[in-house]
Amino acid sequence: MDIVRLICAVFFPPLGVFLQVGIGPQFWINILLTLLGYIPGIVHAVWIIARR
């Protein structure tokens, strides 16, 4: 399942975070980072998925 989350994190970072933690503070942080820049959103999503 982590492979699916990582693929989702590359193409749409908030989806990868949502699949990992649901709607919570990390999800909203990731949406903000993705809006500010696509790469920070990807890095944050991969970090969240790899951490848990």
PDB file of N, CA and C in Angstrom:
ATOM      1  N   MET A   1       0.826  -1.200   0.000  1.00  0.00           N
ATOM      2  CA  MET A   1       0.000   0.000   0.000  1.00  0.00           C
ATOM      3  C   MET A   1       0.866   1.258   0.000  1.00  0.00           C
ATOM      4  N   ASP A   2       2.067   1.182   0.569  1.00  0.00           N
ATOM      5  CA  ASP A   2       2.936   2.356   0.572  1.00  0.00           C
ATOM      6  C   ASP A   2       3.332   2.772  -0.834  1.00  0.00           C
ATOM      7  N   ILE A   3       3.465   1.815  -1.735  1.00  0.00           N
ATOM      8  CA  ILE A   3       3.817   2.145  -3.123  1.00  0.00           C
ATOM      9  C   ILE A   3       2.709   2.975  -3.751  1.00  0.00           C
ATOM     10  N   VAL A   4       1.465   2.614  -3.505  1.00  0.00           N
ATOM     11  CA  VAL A   4       0.330   3.370  -4.046  1.00  0.00           C
ATOM     12  C   VAL A   4       0.318   4.782  -3.465  1.00  0.00           C
ATOM     13  N   ARG A   5       0.583   4.898  -2.185  1.00  0.00           N
ATOM     14  CA  ARG A   5       0.618   6.221  -1.547  1.00  0.00           C
ATOM     15  C   ARG A   5       1.740   7.081  -2.113  1.00  0.00           C
ATOM     16  N   LEU A   6       2.891   6.479  -2.344  1.00  0.00           N
ATOM     17  CA  LEU A   6       4.010   7.239  -2.902  1.00  0.00           C
ATOM     18  C   LEU A   6       3.726   7.692  -4.332  1.00  0.00           C
ATOM     19  N   ILE A   7       3.093   6.841  -5.115  1.00  0.00           N
ATOM     20  CA  ILE A   7       2.724   7.235  -6.477  1.00  0.00           C
ATOM     21  C   ILE A   7       1.711   8.377  -6.431  1.00  0.00           C
ATOM     22  N   CYS A   8       0.743   8.278  -5.546  1.00  0.00           N
ATOM     23  CA  CYS A   8      -0.234   9.364  -5.382  1.00  0.00           C
ATOM     24  C   CYS A   8       0.457  10.636  -4.914  1.00  0.00           C
ATOM     25  N   ALA A   9       1.459  10.503  -4.054  1.00  0.00           N
ATOM     26  CA  ALA A   9       2.169  11.668  -3.531  1.00  0.00           C
ATOM     27  C   ALA A   9       2.939  12.392  -4.623  1.00  0.00           C
ATOM     28  N   VAL A  10       3.416  11.671  -5.611  1.00  0.00           N
ATOM     29  CA  VAL A  10       4.155  12.306  -6.696  1.00  0.00           C
ATOM     30  C   VAL A  10       3.213  13.054  -7.632  1.00  0.00           C
ATOM     31  N   PHE A  11       2.079  12.461  -7.948  1.00  0.00           N
ATOM     32  CA  PHE A  11       1.164  13.083  -8.904  1.00  0.00           C
ATOM     33  C   PHE A  11       0.217  14.092  -8.263  1.00  0.00           C
ATOM     34  N   PHE A  12      -0.239  13.811  -7.042  1.00  0.00           N
ATOM     35  CA  PHE A  12      -1.134  14.721  -6.323  1.00  0.00           C
ATOM     36  C   PHE A  12      -0.840  14.586  -4.828  1.00  0.00           C
ATOM     37  N   PRO A  13       0.106  15.389  -4.327  1.00  0.00           N
ATOM     38  CA  PRO A  13       0.595  15.220  -2.949  1.00  0.00           C
ATOM     39  C   PRO A  13      -0.477  15.182  -1.856  1.00  0.00           C
ATOM     40  N   PRO A  14      -1.518  16.040  -1.883  1.00  0.00           N
ATOM     41  CA  PRO A  14      -2.502  15.951  -0.799  1.00  0.00           C
ATOM     42  C   PRO A  14      -3.230  14.601  -0.739  1.00  0.00           C
ATOM     43  N   LEU A  15      -3.386  13.943  -1.874  1.00  0.00           N
ATOM     44  CA  LEU A  15      -4.045  12.630  -1.872  1.00  0.00           C
ATOM     45  C   LEU A  15      -3.196  11.606  -1.134  1.00  0.00           C
ATOM     46  N   GLY A  16      -1.883  11.625  -1.368  1.00  0.00           N
ATOM     47  CA  GLY A  16      -1.003  10.706  -0.645  1.00  0.00           C
ATOM     48  C   GLY A  16      -1.045  10.923   0.847  1.00  0.00           C
ATOM     49  N   VAL A  17      -1.070  12.182   1.273  1.00  0.00           N
ATOM     50  CA  VAL A  17      -1.140  12.492   2.706  1.00  0.00           C
ATOM     51  C   VAL A  17      -2.500  12.086   3.261  1.00  0.00           C
ATOM     52  N   PHE A  18      -3.560  12.335   2.513  1.00  0.00           N
ATOM     53  CA  PHE A  18      -4.900  11.958   2.962  1.00  0.00           C
ATOM     54  C   PHE A  18      -4.999  10.450   3.162  1.00  0.00           C
ATOM     55  N   LEU A  19      -4.444   9.677   2.238  1.00  0.00           N
ATOM     56  CA  LEU A  19      -4.489   8.224   2.371  1.00  0.00           C
ATOM     57  C   LEU A  19      -3.692   7.748   3.585  1.00  0.00           C
ATOM     58  N   GLN A  20      -2.682   8.506   3.986  1.00  0.00           N
ATOM     59  CA  GLN A  20      -1.855   8.108   5.129  1.00  0.00           C
ATOM     60  C   GLN A  20      -2.454   8.537   6.459  1.00  0.00           C
ATOM     61  N   VAL A  21      -2.870   9.810   6.582  1.00  0.00           N
ATOM     62  CA  VAL A  21      -3.284  10.332   7.889  1.00  0.00           C
ATOM     63  C   VAL A  21      -4.726  10.819   7.945  1.00  0.00           C
ATOM     64  N   GLY A  22      -5.408  10.882   6.822  1.00  0.00           N
ATOM     65  CA  GLY A  22      -6.772  11.404   6.816  1.00  0.00           C
ATOM     66  C   GLY A  22      -6.760  12.922   6.820  1.00  0.00           C
ATOM     67  N   ILE A  23      -7.913  13.505   7.117  1.00  0.00           N
ATOM     68  CA  ILE A  23      -8.004  14.965   7.159  1.00  0.00           C
ATOM     69  C   ILE A  23      -7.605  15.415   8.556  1.00  0.00           C
ATOM     70  N   GLY A  24      -6.479  16.072   8.605  1.00  0.00           N
ATOM     71  CA  GLY A  24      -5.935  16.562   9.866  1.00  0.00           C
ATOM     72  C   GLY A  24      -4.969  17.690   9.566  1.00  0.00           C
ATOM     73  N   PRO A  25      -4.191  18.087  10.540  1.00  0.00           N
ATOM     74  CA  PRO A  25      -3.277  19.216  10.327  1.00  0.00           C
ATOM     75  C   PRO A  25      -2.249  18.949   9.223  1.00  0.00           C
ATOM     76  N   GLN A  26      -1.727  17.724   9.148  1.00  0.00           N
ATOM     77  CA  GLN A  26      -0.734  17.418   8.111  1.00  0.00           C
ATOM     78  C   GLN A  26      -1.324  17.528   6.710  1.00  0.00           C
ATOM     79  N   PHE A  27      -2.582  17.172   6.556  1.00  0.00           N
ATOM     80  CA  PHE A  27      -3.266  17.290   5.259  1.00  0.00           C
ATOM     81  C   PHE A  27      -3.360  18.744   4.837  1.00  0.00           C
ATOM     82  N   TRP A  28      -3.757  19.615   5.757  1.00  0.00           N
ATOM     83  CA  TRP A  28      -3.900  21.037   5.427  1.00  0.00           C
ATOM     84  C   TRP A  28      -2.552  21.697   5.183  1.00  0.00           C
ATOM     85  N   ILE A  29      -1.525  21.286   5.921  1.00  0.00           N
ATOM     86  CA  ILE A  29      -0.181  21.797   5.685  1.00  0.00           C
ATOM     87  C   ILE A  29       0.273  21.405   4.288  1.00  0.00           C
ATOM     88  N   ASN A  30      -0.034  20.172   3.896  1.00  0.00           N
ATOM     89  CA  ASN A  30       0.376  19.723   2.575  1.00  0.00           C
ATOM     90  C   ASN A  30      -0.355  20.473   1.467  1.00  0.00           C
ATOM     91  N   ILE A  31      -1.622  20.763   1.660  1.00  0.00           N
ATOM     92  CA  ILE A  31      -2.345  21.548   0.654  1.00  0.00           C
ATOM     93  C   ILE A  31      -1.709  22.926   0.523  1.00  0.00           C
ATOM     94  N   LEU A  32      -1.381  23.541   1.641  1.00  0.00           N
ATOM     95  CA  LEU A  32      -0.735  24.859   1.598  1.00  0.00           C
ATOM     96  C   LEU A  32       0.612  24.787   0.888  1.00  0.00           C
ATOM     97  N   LEU A  33       1.426  23.795   1.213  1.00  0.00           N
ATOM     98  CA  LEU A  33       2.729  23.652   0.562  1.00  0.00           C
ATOM     99  C   LEU A  33       2.589  23.373  -0.926  1.00  0.00           C
ATOM    100  N   THR A  34       1.593  22.590  -1.306  1.00  0.00           N
ATOM    101  CA  THR A  34       1.377  22.297  -2.717  1.00  0.00           C
ATOM    102  C   THR A  34       0.941  23.545  -3.468  1.00  0.00           C
ATOM    103  N   LEU A  35       0.132  24.384  -2.841  1.00  0.00           N
ATOM    104  CA  LEU A  35      -0.284  25.626  -3.484  1.00  0.00           C
ATOM    105  C   LEU A  35       0.882  26.610  -3.616  1.00  0.00           C
ATOM    106  N   LEU A  36       1.777  26.605  -2.629  1.00  0.00           N
ATOM    107  CA  LEU A  36       2.932  27.504  -2.679  1.00  0.00           C
ATOM    108  C   LEU A  36       3.989  27.029  -3.681  1.00  0.00           C
ATOM    109  N   GLY A  37       4.046  25.750  -3.888  1.00  0.00           N
ATOM    110  CA  GLY A  37       5.007  25.174  -4.830  1.00  0.00           C
ATOM    111  C   GLY A  37       4.811  23.675  -4.878  1.00  0.00           C
ATOM    112  N   TYR A  38       4.808  23.124  -6.049  1.00  0.00           N
ATOM    113  CA  TYR A  38       4.512  21.701  -6.214  1.00  0.00           C
ATOM    114  C   TYR A  38       5.572  20.819  -5.539  1.00  0.00           C
ATOM    115  N   ILE A  39       6.829  21.188  -5.679  1.00  0.00           N
ATOM    116  CA  ILE A  39       7.921  20.381  -5.122  1.00  0.00           C
ATOM    117  C   ILE A  39       7.870  20.317  -3.590  1.00  0.00           C
ATOM    118  N   PRO A  40       7.650  21.433  -2.870  1.00  0.00           N
ATOM    119  CA  PRO A  40       7.534  21.306  -1.404  1.00  0.00           C
ATOM    120  C   PRO A  40       6.380  20.392  -0.984  1.00  0.00           C
ATOM    121  N   GLY A  41       5.298  20.393  -1.738  1.00  0.00           N
ATOM    122  CA  GLY A  41       4.180  19.499  -1.433  1.00  0.00           C
ATOM    123  C   GLY A  41       4.568  18.042  -1.596  1.00  0.00           C
ATOM    124  N   ILE A  42       5.332  17.744  -2.639  1.00  0.00           N
ATOM    125  CA  ILE A  42       5.786  16.365  -2.868  1.00  0.00           C
ATOM    126  C   ILE A  42       6.733  15.933  -1.757  1.00  0.00           C
ATOM    127  N   VAL A  43       7.682  16.795  -1.413  1.00  0.00           N
ATOM    128  CA  VAL A  43       8.656  16.455  -0.362  1.00  0.00           C
ATOM    129  C   VAL A  43       7.938  16.206   0.963  1.00  0.00           C
ATOM    130  N   HIS A  44       6.997  17.056   1.300  1.00  0.00           N
ATOM    131  CA  HIS A  44       6.256  16.882   2.551  1.00  0.00           C
ATOM    132  C   HIS A  44       5.447  15.587   2.526  1.00  0.00           C
ATOM    133  N   ALA A  45       4.794  15.300   1.418  1.00  0.00           N
ATOM    134  CA  ALA A  45       3.980  14.083   1.319  1.00  0.00           C
ATOM    135  C   ALA A  45       4.843  12.829   1.446  1.00  0.00           C
ATOM    136  N   VAL A  46       5.965  12.799   0.763  1.00  0.00           N
ATOM    137  CA  VAL A  46       6.847  11.632   0.852  1.00  0.00           C
ATOM    138  C   VAL A  46       7.389  11.493   2.263  1.00  0.00           C
ATOM    139  N   TRP A  47       7.712  12.610   2.900  1.00  0.00           N
ATOM    140  CA  TRP A  47       8.206  12.567   4.281  1.00  0.00           C
ATOM    141  C   TRP A  47       7.147  11.994   5.227  1.00  0.00           C
ATOM    142  N   ILE A  48       5.903  12.420   5.073  1.00  0.00           N
ATOM    143  CA  ILE A  48       4.812  11.925   5.926  1.00  0.00           C
ATOM    144  C   ILE A  48       4.601  10.426   5.707  1.00  0.00           C
ATOM    145  N   ILE A  49       4.626   9.989   4.456  1.00  0.00           N
ATOM    146  CA  ILE A  49       4.411   8.574   4.158  1.00  0.00           C
ATOM    147  C   ILE A  49       5.573   7.719   4.666  1.00  0.00           C
ATOM    148  N   ALA A  50       6.797   8.189   4.481  1.00  0.00           N
ATOM    149  CA  ALA A  50       7.964   7.414   4.899  1.00  0.00           C
ATOM    150  C   ALA A  50       8.114   7.378   6.413  1.00  0.00           C
ATOM    151  N   ARG A  51       7.654   8.427   7.087  1.00  0.00           N
ATOM    152  CA  ARG A  51       7.786   8.521   8.541  1.00  0.00           C
ATOM    153  C   ARG A  51       6.901   7.508   9.262  1.00  0.00           C
ATOM    154  N   ARG A  52       5.749   7.213   8.751  1.00  0.00           N
ATOM    155  CA  ARG A  52       4.819   6.330   9.464  1.00  0.00           C
ATOM    156  C   ARG A  52       4.892   4.929   8.957  1.00  0.00           C
TER     157      ARG A  52
END
